[in-house]
Amino acid sequence: MSTNSRITFDPNQLGGRPCIRGMRIRVKDVLELLAAGDSEDAILEDYPYLGREDIRACLTFAAALTDQERL
């Protein structure tokens, strides 16, 4: 799976879970906000250090995960 440079992994941060640009906001956090019905604009207002590209990178990352073949 190709990863977007906006999605980072650090074993010393949040247990190595995928985060956005090395910050302490997980991909899962953004996806949960979107799943709860928050708009991109609302997320960006609440998290001004995020960019629209960060949100899209989370969606792209999640989409790639669902395309993996199960063994």
Protein backbone atom coordinates (compact mmCIF):
# COMPACT_ATOMS: atom_id res chain seq x y z
CA MET A 1 0.00 0.00 0.00
CA SER A 2 1.30 3.41 -0.92
CA THR A 3 1.10 5.89 1.94
CA ASN A 4 0.59 9.58 1.63
CA SER A 5 3.39 11.68 3.14
CA ARG A 6 0.80 13.38 5.35
CA ILE A 7 0.14 10.11 7.17
CA THR A 8 2.98 9.24 9.53
CA PHE A 9 3.84 6.37 11.84
CA ASP A 10 6.05 6.74 14.90
CA PRO A 11 6.36 3.83 17.32
CA ASN A 12 7.07 6.33 20.11
CA GLN A 13 3.90 8.32 19.49
CA LEU A 14 0.38 7.06 20.13
CA GLY A 15 1.54 3.47 19.95
CA GLY A 16 2.62 3.75 16.33
CA ARG A 17 -0.90 4.40 15.10
CA PRO A 18 -1.23 6.38 11.87
CA CYS A 19 -1.21 10.12 12.59
CA ILE A 20 -1.38 13.28 10.56
CA ARG A 21 1.98 14.91 9.81
CA GLY A 22 3.57 13.70 13.05
CA MET A 23 0.99 15.48 15.20
CA ARG A 24 -0.92 13.80 17.96
CA ILE A 25 -4.09 13.51 15.95
CA ARG A 26 -4.79 10.05 14.64
CA VAL A 27 -6.27 9.20 11.28
CA LYS A 28 -8.95 7.40 13.28
CA ASP A 29 -9.89 10.65 15.06
CA VAL A 30 -10.58 12.43 11.78
CA LEU A 31 -12.46 9.46 10.33
CA GLU A 32 -14.65 9.24 13.44
CA LEU A 33 -15.49 12.94 13.18
CA LEU A 34 -16.50 12.49 9.55
CA ALA A 35 -18.52 9.36 10.40
CA ALA A 36 -20.33 11.30 13.11
CA GLY A 37 -21.46 13.79 10.47
CA ASP A 38 -19.00 16.62 11.03
CA SER A 39 -18.24 18.52 7.85
CA GLU A 40 -14.72 19.19 6.64
CA ASP A 41 -15.29 22.87 7.40
CA ALA A 42 -16.34 22.10 10.98
CA ILE A 43 -13.27 19.90 11.52
CA LEU A 44 -10.97 22.58 10.13
CA GLU A 45 -12.57 25.17 12.40
CA ASP A 46 -12.09 22.95 15.48
CA TYR A 47 -8.57 21.89 14.46
CA PRO A 48 -7.02 24.93 12.76
CA TYR A 49 -3.64 23.20 12.43
CA LEU A 50 -5.18 20.71 9.99
CA GLY A 51 -5.65 21.33 6.31
CA ARG A 52 -8.25 20.07 3.90
CA GLU A 53 -5.51 17.94 2.34
CA ASP A 54 -5.00 16.23 5.71
CA ILE A 55 -8.65 15.18 5.83
CA ARG A 56 -8.50 13.87 2.29
CA ALA A 57 -5.29 11.98 3.10
CA CYS A 58 -7.15 10.23 5.94
CA LEU A 59 -9.91 9.18 3.56
CA THR A 60 -7.41 7.97 0.98
CA PHE A 61 -5.54 6.02 3.65
CA ALA A 62 -8.75 4.35 4.86
CA ALA A 63 -9.82 3.54 1.31
CA ALA A 64 -6.48 1.85 0.65
CA LEU A 65 -6.85 -0.26 3.79
CA THR A 66 -10.21 -1.60 2.62
CA ASP A 67 -8.63 -2.75 -0.65
CA GLN A 68 -6.28 -5.27 0.95
CA GLU A 69 -6.78 -8.94 0.23
CA ARG A 70 -7.58 -11.03 3.29
CA LEU A 71 -5.43 -14.05 3.87
